[in-house]
């Protein structure tokens, strides 16, 4: 009897008699990897509330508060990376008139979100370029960035402030 070199070896049956299960990436991390660090879980926020409701109620001030809070949460989430907390918000507040400085800050924010997604063991789906361009169109970048941040928060399924594992 000849062996087929392309044939996959048979996997042993699990004790319960079901089909063998492959390890799943996600909240438990990438397959066959142990967590390399830990961080603090981020808060999950409703994207439309962050984008439209609170800024209308606070006459735009909430945008600065939100920008500060997400940077603080990203800094606590992955302490291995140097994430500025107050600096990006101050760029918007003090250098907003330059137009270029806020766009650079929004782009860097997208990169930080992408890095946080990788650290959570997720596919890095946040595009800094798209987020920056959406900031120009009715401030939709806020909506986009919050959706991307919520992917990280929901992947763990724990309340904010809990210790969570990081993989990359």
Protein backbone atom coordinates (compact mmCIF):
# COMPACT_ATOMS: atom_id res chain seq x y z
CA UNK A 1 0.00 0.00 0.00
CA UNK A 2 1.52 3.35 -1.05
CA UNK A 3 1.33 6.49 1.04
CA UNK A 4 -0.12 9.63 -0.56
CA UNK A 5 2.27 12.54 0.26
CA UNK A 6 -0.62 15.05 0.05
CA UNK A 7 -2.87 13.21 2.47
CA UNK A 8 -3.36 14.86 5.85
CA UNK A 9 -2.66 12.69 8.90
CA UNK A 10 -5.75 11.66 10.82
CA UNK A 11 -6.41 13.60 14.02
CA UNK A 12 -7.35 11.61 17.11
CA UNK A 13 -10.99 11.78 18.10
CA UNK A 14 -11.75 13.84 21.20
CA UNK A 15 -12.98 11.93 24.26
CA UNK A 16 -16.56 13.19 23.82
CA UNK A 17 -16.78 11.62 20.34
CA UNK A 18 -17.28 14.96 18.50
CA UNK A 19 -15.21 16.36 15.68
CA UNK A 20 -11.67 17.56 16.43
CA UNK A 21 -11.61 21.30 17.02
CA UNK A 22 -8.89 23.62 15.75
CA UNK A 23 -7.70 26.39 18.08
CA UNK A 24 -9.52 29.63 17.36
CA UNK A 25 -7.81 33.03 17.37
CA UNK A 26 -9.57 35.92 19.10
CA UNK A 27 -10.06 36.61 22.77
CA UNK A 28 -7.90 33.62 23.59
CA UNK A 29 -5.18 34.96 21.29
CA UNK A 30 -3.60 33.70 18.12
CA UNK A 31 -3.43 29.93 17.76
CA UNK A 32 -0.55 28.23 19.56
CA UNK A 33 0.69 31.37 21.30
CA UNK A 34 0.91 32.27 24.93
CA UNK A 35 0.22 35.84 26.07
CA UNK A 36 3.39 37.91 26.27
CA UNK A 37 2.06 40.72 28.47
CA UNK A 38 -1.07 42.02 30.12
CA UNK A 39 -2.95 45.29 30.13
CA UNK A 40 -6.16 46.96 31.24
CA UNK A 41 -9.37 46.44 29.21
CA UNK A 42 -10.76 49.46 27.37
CA UNK A 43 -14.26 50.86 27.68
CA UNK A 44 -16.79 50.05 24.99
CA UNK A 45 -18.72 53.15 23.87
CA UNK A 46 -21.64 53.56 21.49
CA UNK A 47 -20.09 55.05 18.32
CA UNK A 48 -23.04 57.30 17.38
CA UNK A 49 -23.23 58.71 20.90
CA UNK A 50 -19.51 59.53 20.80
CA UNK A 51 -19.71 60.99 17.29
CA UNK A 52 -22.96 62.95 17.42
CA UNK A 53 -24.87 63.10 20.70
CA UNK A 54 -22.27 64.13 23.29
CA UNK A 55 -20.53 66.68 21.03
CA UNK A 56 -23.91 68.34 20.32
CA UNK A 57 -24.81 68.46 24.01
CA UNK A 58 -21.39 69.81 25.06
CA UNK A 59 -20.95 72.13 22.04
CA UNK A 60 -17.97 70.15 20.76
CA UNK A 61 -16.02 69.89 24.00
CA UNK A 62 -16.72 66.17 24.36
CA UNK A 63 -14.58 65.48 21.29
CA UNK A 64 -11.52 66.65 23.23
CA UNK A 65 -12.57 64.60 26.28
CA UNK A 66 -13.08 61.50 24.13
CA UNK A 67 -9.72 61.98 22.39
CA UNK A 68 -7.98 62.25 25.77
CA UNK A 69 -9.81 59.21 27.18
CA UNK A 70 -9.05 56.87 24.28
CA UNK A 71 -5.36 57.76 24.41
CA UNK A 72 -5.32 57.16 28.16
CA UNK A 73 -7.04 53.79 27.69
CA UNK A 74 -4.63 52.77 24.90
CA UNK A 75 -1.68 53.70 27.15
CA UNK A 76 -3.07 51.54 29.97
CA UNK A 77 -4.04 48.74 27.58
CA UNK A 78 -0.49 48.21 26.27
CA UNK A 79 2.15 49.67 28.57
CA UNK A 80 4.91 48.31 26.32
CA UNK A 81 4.22 51.12 23.84
CA UNK A 82 4.76 54.80 24.53
CA UNK A 83 1.30 56.26 23.95
CA UNK A 84 1.02 59.98 24.69
CA UNK A 85 -2.04 60.83 26.74
CA UNK A 86 -2.51 64.61 26.92
CA UNK A 87 -0.35 65.58 23.92
CA UNK A 88 -2.75 64.57 21.14
CA UNK A 89 -5.65 66.37 22.82
CA UNK A 90 -3.51 69.49 23.28
CA UNK A 91 -2.61 69.39 19.59
CA UNK A 92 -6.30 69.59 18.74
CA UNK A 93 -6.94 72.31 21.32
CA UNK A 94 -3.93 74.55 20.74
CA UNK A 95 -2.90 73.80 17.15
CA UNK A 96 -6.28 73.13 15.59
CA UNK A 97 -5.99 76.36 13.60
CA UNK A 98 -3.02 74.93 11.66
CA UNK A 99 -5.17 72.14 10.13
CA UNK A 100 -2.09 69.99 9.41
CA UNK A 101 -1.22 69.27 13.06
CA UNK A 102 -4.67 67.78 13.87
CA UNK A 103 -4.58 65.65 10.70
CA UNK A 104 -1.18 64.27 11.72
CA UNK A 105 -2.54 63.61 15.22
CA UNK A 106 -5.58 61.77 13.82
CA UNK A 107 -3.32 59.69 11.57
CA UNK A 108 -1.09 58.75 14.50
CA UNK A 109 -4.18 57.88 16.53
CA UNK A 110 -5.20 55.42 13.80
CA UNK A 111 -1.75 53.82 13.99
CA UNK A 112 -2.10 53.48 17.77
CA UNK A 113 -5.50 51.81 17.39
CA UNK A 114 -4.05 49.44 14.78
CA UNK A 115 -1.20 48.53 17.18
CA UNK A 116 -3.71 47.93 19.98
CA UNK A 117 -5.69 45.60 17.69
CA UNK A 118 -2.54 43.61 16.99
CA UNK A 119 -1.73 43.45 20.72
CA UNK A 120 -5.23 42.07 21.33
CA UNK A 121 -4.56 39.27 18.84
CA UNK A 122 -6.99 40.69 16.29
CA UNK A 123 -6.59 41.42 12.61
CA UNK A 124 -5.36 45.03 12.37
CA UNK A 125 -8.37 46.45 10.50
CA UNK A 126 -8.00 50.12 11.46
CA UNK A 127 -6.72 52.25 8.60
CA UNK A 128 -5.13 55.53 9.74
CA UNK A 129 -5.57 57.02 6.27
CA UNK A 130 -9.28 56.26 6.11
CA UNK A 131 -9.78 57.55 9.66
CA UNK A 132 -7.98 60.80 8.85
CA UNK A 133 -9.97 61.34 5.66
CA UNK A 134 -13.23 60.60 7.48
CA UNK A 135 -12.36 63.27 10.07
CA UNK A 136 -12.64 65.82 7.24
CA UNK A 137 -16.10 64.51 6.25
CA UNK A 138 -18.52 65.52 9.04
CA UNK A 139 -16.09 64.21 11.66
CA UNK A 140 -16.94 60.61 10.71
CA UNK A 141 -13.45 59.55 11.74
CA UNK A 142 -14.64 59.63 15.36
CA UNK A 143 -17.34 57.10 14.48
CA UNK A 144 -14.83 54.95 12.57
CA UNK A 145 -12.16 55.02 15.28
CA UNK A 146 -14.68 54.19 18.02
CA UNK A 147 -15.97 51.22 16.03
CA UNK A 148 -12.39 49.99 15.67
CA UNK A 149 -11.73 50.49 19.41
CA UNK A 150 -14.93 48.60 20.25
CA UNK A 151 -13.60 45.58 18.34
CA UNK A 152 -10.78 45.39 20.88
CA UNK A 153 -13.06 45.85 23.90
CA UNK A 154 -15.61 43.29 22.69
CA UNK A 155 -12.97 40.69 21.82
CA UNK A 156 -12.22 40.22 25.52
CA UNK A 157 -15.80 40.34 26.80
CA UNK A 158 -14.78 41.71 30.20
CA UNK A 159 -15.72 45.01 31.84
CA UNK A 160 -13.37 47.97 31.56
CA UNK A 161 -10.52 48.04 34.02
CA UNK A 162 -10.05 44.24 34.10
CA UNK A 163 -6.65 42.71 33.47
CA UNK A 164 -6.45 41.26 29.93
CA UNK A 165 -3.72 39.30 28.09
CA UNK A 166 -1.76 40.77 25.17
CA UNK A 167 -0.16 38.74 22.40
CA UNK A 168 2.05 40.78 20.12
